[in-house]
Amino acid sequence: MGIGGISVGSLLIVLVIVMLLFGTKRLRNIGGDLGGALSGFRKAVRETEQTQDSLTLDAAAQPAAQRESQQRV
């Protein structure tokens, strides 16, 4: 058995059909585009996490009185 009950032979047949439909050059381009999109997504997630961490650290570093005065305004 392969992945999720699909055999390796079935996966190979699907791969051959996809290659015949799209061609290897187009599949290579699609793979490159997909890889670029995933790396861009990972970079955006990492930047968002860093921004949230820095905001959390900045808020924790402020004295309590200063935070209260900012909340009143």
PDB file of N, CA and C in Angstrom:
ATOM      1  N   MET A   1       0.832  -1.191   0.000  1.00  0.00           N
ATOM      2  CA  MET A   1       0.000   0.000   0.000  1.00  0.00           C
ATOM      3  C   MET A   1       0.870   1.246   0.000  1.00  0.00           C
ATOM      4  N   GLY A   2       0.377   2.252  -0.642  1.00  0.00           N
ATOM      5  CA  GLY A   2       1.085   3.516  -0.725  1.00  0.00           C
ATOM      6  C   GLY A   2       0.475   4.528   0.230  1.00  0.00           C
ATOM      7  N   ILE A   3       0.345   5.708  -0.249  1.00  0.00           N
ATOM      8  CA  ILE A   3      -0.169   6.815   0.547  1.00  0.00           C
ATOM      9  C   ILE A   3      -1.698   6.783   0.549  1.00  0.00           C
ATOM     10  N   GLY A   4      -2.310   6.658   1.708  1.00  0.00           N
ATOM     11  CA  GLY A   4      -3.762   6.713   1.828  1.00  0.00           C
ATOM     12  C   GLY A   4      -4.485   5.634   1.046  1.00  0.00           C
ATOM     13  N   GLY A   5      -3.905   4.478   0.894  1.00  0.00           N
ATOM     14  CA  GLY A   5      -4.548   3.398   0.175  1.00  0.00           C
ATOM     15  C   GLY A   5      -4.315   3.425  -1.325  1.00  0.00           C
ATOM     16  N   ILE A   6      -3.531   4.373  -1.819  1.00  0.00           N
ATOM     17  CA  ILE A   6      -3.217   4.465  -3.247  1.00  0.00           C
ATOM     18  C   ILE A   6      -1.873   3.785  -3.457  1.00  0.00           C
ATOM     19  N   SER A   7      -1.823   2.877  -4.398  1.00  0.00           N
ATOM     20  CA  SER A   7      -0.581   2.138  -4.615  1.00  0.00           C
ATOM     21  C   SER A   7       0.426   2.980  -5.392  1.00  0.00           C
ATOM     22  N   VAL A   8       1.667   2.552  -5.350  1.00  0.00           N
ATOM     23  CA  VAL A   8       2.744   3.242  -6.054  1.00  0.00           C
ATOM     24  C   VAL A   8       2.501   3.193  -7.563  1.00  0.00           C
ATOM     25  N   GLY A   9       1.989   2.072  -8.055  1.00  0.00           N
ATOM     26  CA  GLY A   9       1.695   1.946  -9.480  1.00  0.00           C
ATOM     27  C   GLY A   9       0.654   2.948  -9.942  1.00  0.00           C
ATOM     28  N   SER A  10      -0.370   3.162  -9.126  1.00  0.00           N
ATOM     29  CA  SER A  10      -1.405   4.144  -9.458  1.00  0.00           C
ATOM     30  C   SER A  10      -0.827   5.553  -9.502  1.00  0.00           C
ATOM     31  N   LEU A  11       0.051   5.864  -8.545  1.00  0.00           N
ATOM     32  CA  LEU A  11       0.685   7.187  -8.532  1.00  0.00           C
ATOM     33  C   LEU A  11       1.546   7.404  -9.775  1.00  0.00           C
ATOM     34  N   LEU A  12       2.247   6.361 -10.209  1.00  0.00           N
ATOM     35  CA  LEU A  12       3.063   6.469 -11.420  1.00  0.00           C
ATOM     36  C   LEU A  12       2.205   6.687 -12.664  1.00  0.00           C
ATOM     37  N   ILE A  13       1.080   6.005 -12.743  1.00  0.00           N
ATOM     38  CA  ILE A  13       0.182   6.191 -13.884  1.00  0.00           C
ATOM     39  C   ILE A  13      -0.352   7.618 -13.917  1.00  0.00           C
ATOM     40  N   VAL A  14      -0.736   8.147 -12.776  1.00  0.00           N
ATOM     41  CA  VAL A  14      -1.222   9.527 -12.698  1.00  0.00           C
ATOM     42  C   VAL A  14      -0.113  10.492 -13.102  1.00  0.00           C
ATOM     43  N   LEU A  15       1.106  10.251 -12.654  1.00  0.00           N
ATOM     44  CA  LEU A  15       2.237  11.101 -13.005  1.00  0.00           C
ATOM     45  C   LEU A  15       2.478  11.110 -14.510  1.00  0.00           C
ATOM     46  N   VAL A  16       2.412   9.947 -15.143  1.00  0.00           N
ATOM     47  CA  VAL A  16       2.615   9.856 -16.595  1.00  0.00           C
ATOM     48  C   VAL A  16       1.515  10.601 -17.334  1.00  0.00           C
ATOM     49  N   ILE A  17       0.273  10.474 -16.889  1.00  0.00           N
ATOM     50  CA  ILE A  17      -0.839  11.181 -17.543  1.00  0.00           C
ATOM     51  C   ILE A  17      -0.672  12.688 -17.405  1.00  0.00           C
ATOM     52  N   VAL A  18      -0.280  13.146 -16.235  1.00  0.00           N
ATOM     53  CA  VAL A  18      -0.072  14.590 -16.018  1.00  0.00           C
ATOM     54  C   VAL A  18       1.060  15.091 -16.908  1.00  0.00           C
ATOM     55  N   MET A  19       2.135  14.315 -17.013  1.00  0.00           N
ATOM     56  CA  MET A  19       3.257  14.727 -17.871  1.00  0.00           C
ATOM     57  C   MET A  19       2.833  14.785 -19.335  1.00  0.00           C
ATOM     58  N   LEU A  20       1.991  13.869 -19.765  1.00  0.00           N
ATOM     59  CA  LEU A  20       1.513  13.892 -21.143  1.00  0.00           C
ATOM     60  C   LEU A  20       0.599  15.088 -21.397  1.00  0.00           C
ATOM     61  N   LEU A  21      -0.208  15.445 -20.416  1.00  0.00           N
ATOM     62  CA  LEU A  21      -1.133  16.567 -20.585  1.00  0.00           C
ATOM     63  C   LEU A  21      -0.418  17.913 -20.592  1.00  0.00           C
ATOM     64  N   PHE A  22       0.494  18.105 -19.670  1.00  0.00           N
ATOM     65  CA  PHE A  22       1.116  19.412 -19.494  1.00  0.00           C
ATOM     66  C   PHE A  22       2.506  19.527 -20.112  1.00  0.00           C
ATOM     67  N   GLY A  23       3.213  18.456 -20.225  1.00  0.00           N
ATOM     68  CA  GLY A  23       4.585  18.521 -20.716  1.00  0.00           C
ATOM     69  C   GLY A  23       5.547  18.822 -19.586  1.00  0.00           C
ATOM     70  N   THR A  24       6.784  18.394 -19.768  1.00  0.00           N
ATOM     71  CA  THR A  24       7.761  18.543 -18.684  1.00  0.00           C
ATOM     72  C   THR A  24       8.170  19.993 -18.463  1.00  0.00           C
ATOM     73  N   LYS A  25       8.238  20.781 -19.545  1.00  0.00           N
ATOM     74  CA  LYS A  25       8.656  22.177 -19.393  1.00  0.00           C
ATOM     75  C   LYS A  25       7.629  22.961 -18.581  1.00  0.00           C
ATOM     76  N   ARG A  26       6.359  22.742 -18.903  1.00  0.00           N
ATOM     77  CA  ARG A  26       5.317  23.468 -18.188  1.00  0.00           C
ATOM     78  C   ARG A  26       5.248  23.014 -16.725  1.00  0.00           C
ATOM     79  N   LEU A  27       5.428  21.721 -16.483  1.00  0.00           N
ATOM     80  CA  LEU A  27       5.440  21.231 -15.102  1.00  0.00           C
ATOM     81  C   LEU A  27       6.598  21.820 -14.316  1.00  0.00           C
ATOM     82  N   ARG A  28       7.747  21.990 -14.960  1.00  0.00           N
ATOM     83  CA  ARG A  28       8.906  22.596 -14.296  1.00  0.00           C
ATOM     84  C   ARG A  28       8.592  24.043 -13.921  1.00  0.00           C
ATOM     85  N   ASN A  29       7.925  24.762 -14.837  1.00  0.00           N
ATOM     86  CA  ASN A  29       7.556  26.147 -14.541  1.00  0.00           C
ATOM     87  C   ASN A  29       6.543  26.221 -13.404  1.00  0.00           C
ATOM     88  N   ILE A  30       5.581  25.311 -13.420  1.00  0.00           N
ATOM     89  CA  ILE A  30       4.581  25.294 -12.358  1.00  0.00           C
ATOM     90  C   ILE A  30       5.247  24.988 -11.016  1.00  0.00           C
ATOM     91  N   GLY A  31       6.174  24.033 -11.016  1.00  0.00           N
ATOM     92  CA  GLY A  31       6.895  23.699  -9.787  1.00  0.00           C
ATOM     93  C   GLY A  31       7.708  24.871  -9.265  1.00  0.00           C
ATOM     94  N   GLY A  32       8.372  25.587 -10.167  1.00  0.00           N
ATOM     95  CA  GLY A  32       9.148  26.758  -9.758  1.00  0.00           C
ATOM     96  C   GLY A  32       8.268  27.856  -9.191  1.00  0.00           C
ATOM     97  N   ASP A  33       7.120  28.085  -9.843  1.00  0.00           N
ATOM     98  CA  ASP A  33       6.190  29.098  -9.347  1.00  0.00           C
ATOM     99  C   ASP A  33       5.623  28.716  -7.982  1.00  0.00           C
ATOM    100  N   LEU A  34       5.299  27.446  -7.834  1.00  0.00           N
ATOM    101  CA  LEU A  34       4.767  26.979  -6.560  1.00  0.00           C
ATOM    102  C   LEU A  34       5.811  27.098  -5.453  1.00  0.00           C
ATOM    103  N   GLY A  35       7.052  26.758  -5.755  1.00  0.00           N
ATOM    104  CA  GLY A  35       8.129  26.888  -4.780  1.00  0.00           C
ATOM    105  C   GLY A  35       8.361  28.335  -4.383  1.00  0.00           C
ATOM    106  N   GLY A  36       8.306  29.247  -5.363  1.00  0.00           N
ATOM    107  CA  GLY A  36       8.469  30.665  -5.063  1.00  0.00           C
ATOM    108  C   GLY A  36       7.337  31.202  -4.197  1.00  0.00           C
ATOM    109  N   ALA A  37       6.132  30.738  -4.480  1.00  0.00           N
ATOM    110  CA  ALA A  37       4.984  31.172  -3.686  1.00  0.00           C
ATOM    111  C   ALA A  37       5.096  30.672  -2.249  1.00  0.00           C
ATOM    112  N   LEU A  38       5.523  29.424  -2.073  1.00  0.00           N
ATOM    113  CA  LEU A  38       5.679  28.883  -0.727  1.00  0.00           C
ATOM    114  C   LEU A  38       6.768  29.603   0.056  1.00  0.00           C
ATOM    115  N   SER A  39       7.878  29.916  -0.607  1.00  0.00           N
ATOM    116  CA  SER A  39       8.951  30.619   0.103  1.00  0.00           C
ATOM    117  C   SER A  39       8.511  32.038   0.472  1.00  0.00           C
ATOM    118  N   GLY A  40       7.751  32.688  -0.402  1.00  0.00           N
ATOM    119  CA  GLY A  40       7.224  34.015  -0.079  1.00  0.00           C
ATOM    120  C   GLY A  40       6.260  33.965   1.094  1.00  0.00           C
ATOM    121  N   PHE A  41       5.427  32.922   1.120  1.00  0.00           N
ATOM    122  CA  PHE A  41       4.485  32.759   2.226  1.00  0.00           C
ATOM    123  C   PHE A  41       5.222  32.524   3.541  1.00  0.00           C
ATOM    124  N   ARG A  42       6.230  31.677   3.522  1.00  0.00           N
ATOM    125  CA  ARG A  42       7.012  31.411   4.735  1.00  0.00           C
ATOM    126  C   ARG A  42       7.706  32.673   5.232  1.00  0.00           C
ATOM    127  N   LYS A  43       8.222  33.465   4.299  1.00  0.00           N
ATOM    128  CA  LYS A  43       8.899  34.708   4.670  1.00  0.00           C
ATOM    129  C   LYS A  43       7.912  35.679   5.318  1.00  0.00           C
ATOM    130  N   ALA A  44       6.709  35.782   4.766  1.00  0.00           N
ATOM    131  CA  ALA A  44       5.699  36.674   5.323  1.00  0.00           C
ATOM    132  C   ALA A  44       5.276  36.225   6.719  1.00  0.00           C
ATOM    133  N   VAL A  45       5.130  34.923   6.913  1.00  0.00           N
ATOM    134  CA  VAL A  45       4.756  34.404   8.227  1.00  0.00           C
ATOM    135  C   VAL A  45       5.863  34.694   9.238  1.00  0.00           C
ATOM    136  N   ARG A  46       7.117  34.490   8.817  1.00  0.00           N
ATOM    137  CA  ARG A  46       8.246  34.741   9.712  1.00  0.00           C
ATOM    138  C   ARG A  46       8.311  36.219  10.097  1.00  0.00           C
ATOM    139  N   GLU A  47       8.098  37.124   9.137  1.00  0.00           N
ATOM    140  CA  GLU A  47       8.132  38.555   9.426  1.00  0.00           C
ATOM    141  C   GLU A  47       7.000  38.953  10.367  1.00  0.00           C
ATOM    142  N   THR A  48       5.826  38.359  10.173  1.00  0.00           N
ATOM    143  CA  THR A  48       4.692  38.657  11.036  1.00  0.00           C
ATOM    144  C   THR A  48       4.963  38.197  12.465  1.00  0.00           C
ATOM    145  N   GLU A  49       5.542  37.012  12.605  1.00  0.00           N
ATOM    146  CA  GLU A  49       5.873  36.513  13.945  1.00  0.00           C
ATOM    147  C   GLU A  49       6.907  37.400  14.620  1.00  0.00           C
ATOM    148  N   GLN A  50       7.903  37.862  13.869  1.00  0.00           N
ATOM    149  CA  GLN A  50       8.926  38.733  14.443  1.00  0.00           C
ATOM    150  C   GLN A  50       8.318  40.061  14.870  1.00  0.00           C
ATOM    151  N   THR A  51       7.398  40.592  14.068  1.00  0.00           N
ATOM    152  CA  THR A  51       6.741  41.857  14.410  1.00  0.00           C
ATOM    153  C   THR A  51       5.909  41.693  15.673  1.00  0.00           C
ATOM    154  N   GLN A  52       5.174  40.596  15.764  1.00  0.00           N
ATOM    155  CA  GLN A  52       4.362  40.361  16.955  1.00  0.00           C
ATOM    156  C   GLN A  52       5.238  40.180  18.185  1.00  0.00           C
ATOM    157  N   ASP A  53       6.353  39.479  18.042  1.00  0.00           N
ATOM    158  CA  ASP A  53       7.265  39.289  19.171  1.00  0.00           C
ATOM    159  C   ASP A  53       7.847  40.615  19.632  1.00  0.00           C
ATOM    160  N   SER A  54       8.240  41.474  18.682  1.00  0.00           N
ATOM    161  CA  SER A  54       8.825  42.757  19.066  1.00  0.00           C
ATOM    162  C   SER A  54       7.783  43.656  19.722  1.00  0.00           C
ATOM    163  N   LEU A  55       6.526  43.597  19.244  1.00  0.00           N
ATOM    164  CA  LEU A  55       5.478  44.393  19.877  1.00  0.00           C
ATOM    165  C   LEU A  55       5.195  43.896  21.289  1.00  0.00           C
ATOM    166  N   THR A  56       5.233  42.596  21.477  1.00  0.00           N
ATOM    167  CA  THR A  56       5.013  42.027  22.806  1.00  0.00           C
ATOM    168  C   THR A  56       6.137  42.439  23.755  1.00  0.00           C
ATOM    169  N   LEU A  57       7.376  42.388  23.271  1.00  0.00           N
ATOM    170  CA  LEU A  57       8.509  42.789  24.109  1.00  0.00           C
ATOM    171  C   LEU A  57       8.456  44.273  24.425  1.00  0.00           C
ATOM    172  N   ASP A  58       8.051  45.106  23.453  1.00  0.00           N
ATOM    173  CA  ASP A  58       7.940  46.542  23.700  1.00  0.00           C
ATOM    174  C   ASP A  58       6.871  46.835  24.742  1.00  0.00           C
ATOM    175  N   ALA A  59       5.750  46.133  24.660  1.00  0.00           N
ATOM    176  CA  ALA A  59       4.672  46.359  25.620  1.00  0.00           C
ATOM    177  C   ALA A  59       5.087  45.905  27.014  1.00  0.00           C
ATOM    178  N   ALA A  60       5.842  44.828  27.095  1.00  0.00           N
ATOM    179  CA  ALA A  60       6.283  44.335  28.402  1.00  0.00           C
ATOM    180  C   ALA A  60       7.341  45.239  29.008  1.00  0.00           C
ATOM    181  N   ALA A  61       8.090  45.953  28.182  1.00  0.00           N
ATOM    182  CA  ALA A  61       9.162  46.805  28.678  1.00  0.00           C
ATOM    183  C   ALA A  61       8.648  48.140  29.205  1.00  0.00           C
ATOM    184  N   GLN A  62       7.446  48.544  28.829  1.00  0.00           N
ATOM    185  CA  GLN A  62       6.916  49.820  29.282  1.00  0.00           C
ATOM    186  C   GLN A  62       6.511  49.718  30.751  1.00  0.00           C
ATOM    187  N   PRO A  63       6.761  50.745  31.508  1.00  0.00           N
ATOM    188  CA  PRO A  63       6.292  50.757  32.890  1.00  0.00           C
ATOM    189  C   PRO A  63       4.767  50.734  32.940  1.00  0.00           C
ATOM    190  N   ALA A  64       4.221  50.195  34.016  1.00  0.00           N
ATOM    191  CA  ALA A  64       2.772  50.042  34.139  1.00  0.00           C
ATOM    192  C   ALA A  64       2.067  51.396  34.106  1.00  0.00           C
ATOM    193  N   ALA A  65       2.626  52.405  34.750  1.00  0.00           N
ATOM    194  CA  ALA A  65       1.996  53.725  34.772  1.00  0.00           C
ATOM    195  C   ALA A  65       1.925  54.319  33.376  1.00  0.00           C
ATOM    196  N   GLN A  66       2.962  54.126  32.609  1.00  0.00           N
ATOM    197  CA  GLN A  66       2.986  54.671  31.255  1.00  0.00           C
ATOM    198  C   GLN A  66       1.943  53.966  30.388  1.00  0.00           C
ATOM    199  N   ARG A  67       1.775  52.667  30.545  1.00  0.00           N
ATOM    200  CA  ARG A  67       0.773  51.934  29.787  1.00  0.00           C
ATOM    201  C   ARG A  67      -0.625  52.406  30.157  1.00  0.00           C
ATOM    202  N   GLU A  68      -0.854  52.654  31.445  1.00  0.00           N
ATOM    203  CA  GLU A  68      -2.176  53.122  31.884  1.00  0.00           C
ATOM    204  C   GLU A  68      -2.482  54.497  31.302  1.00  0.00           C
ATOM    205  N   SER A  69      -1.498  55.386  31.276  1.00  0.00           N
ATOM    206  CA  SER A  69      -1.735  56.720  30.730  1.00  0.00           C
ATOM    207  C   SER A  69      -1.995  56.651  29.219  1.00  0.00           C
ATOM    208  N   GLN A  70      -1.385  55.726  28.540  1.00  0.00           N
ATOM    209  CA  GLN A  70      -1.619  55.589  27.108  1.00  0.00           C
ATOM    210  C   GLN A  70      -2.999  55.009  26.849  1.00  0.00           C
ATOM    211  N   GLN A  71      -3.486  54.156  27.723  1.00  0.00           N
ATOM    212  CA  GLN A  71      -4.810  53.565  27.546  1.00  0.00           C
ATOM    213  C   GLN A  71      -5.899  54.581  27.789  1.00  0.00           C
ATOM    214  N   ARG A  72      -5.663  55.550  28.654  1.00  0.00           N
ATOM    215  CA  ARG A  72      -6.674  56.578  28.949  1.00  0.00           C
ATOM    216  C   ARG A  72      -6.844  57.539  27.792  1.00  0.00           C
ATOM    217  N   VAL A  73      -5.816  57.766  27.016  1.00  0.00           N
ATOM    218  CA  VAL A  73      -5.856  58.750  25.925  1.00  0.00           C
ATOM    219  C   VAL A  73      -6.598  58.226  24.776  1.00  0.00           C
TER     220      VAL A  73
END
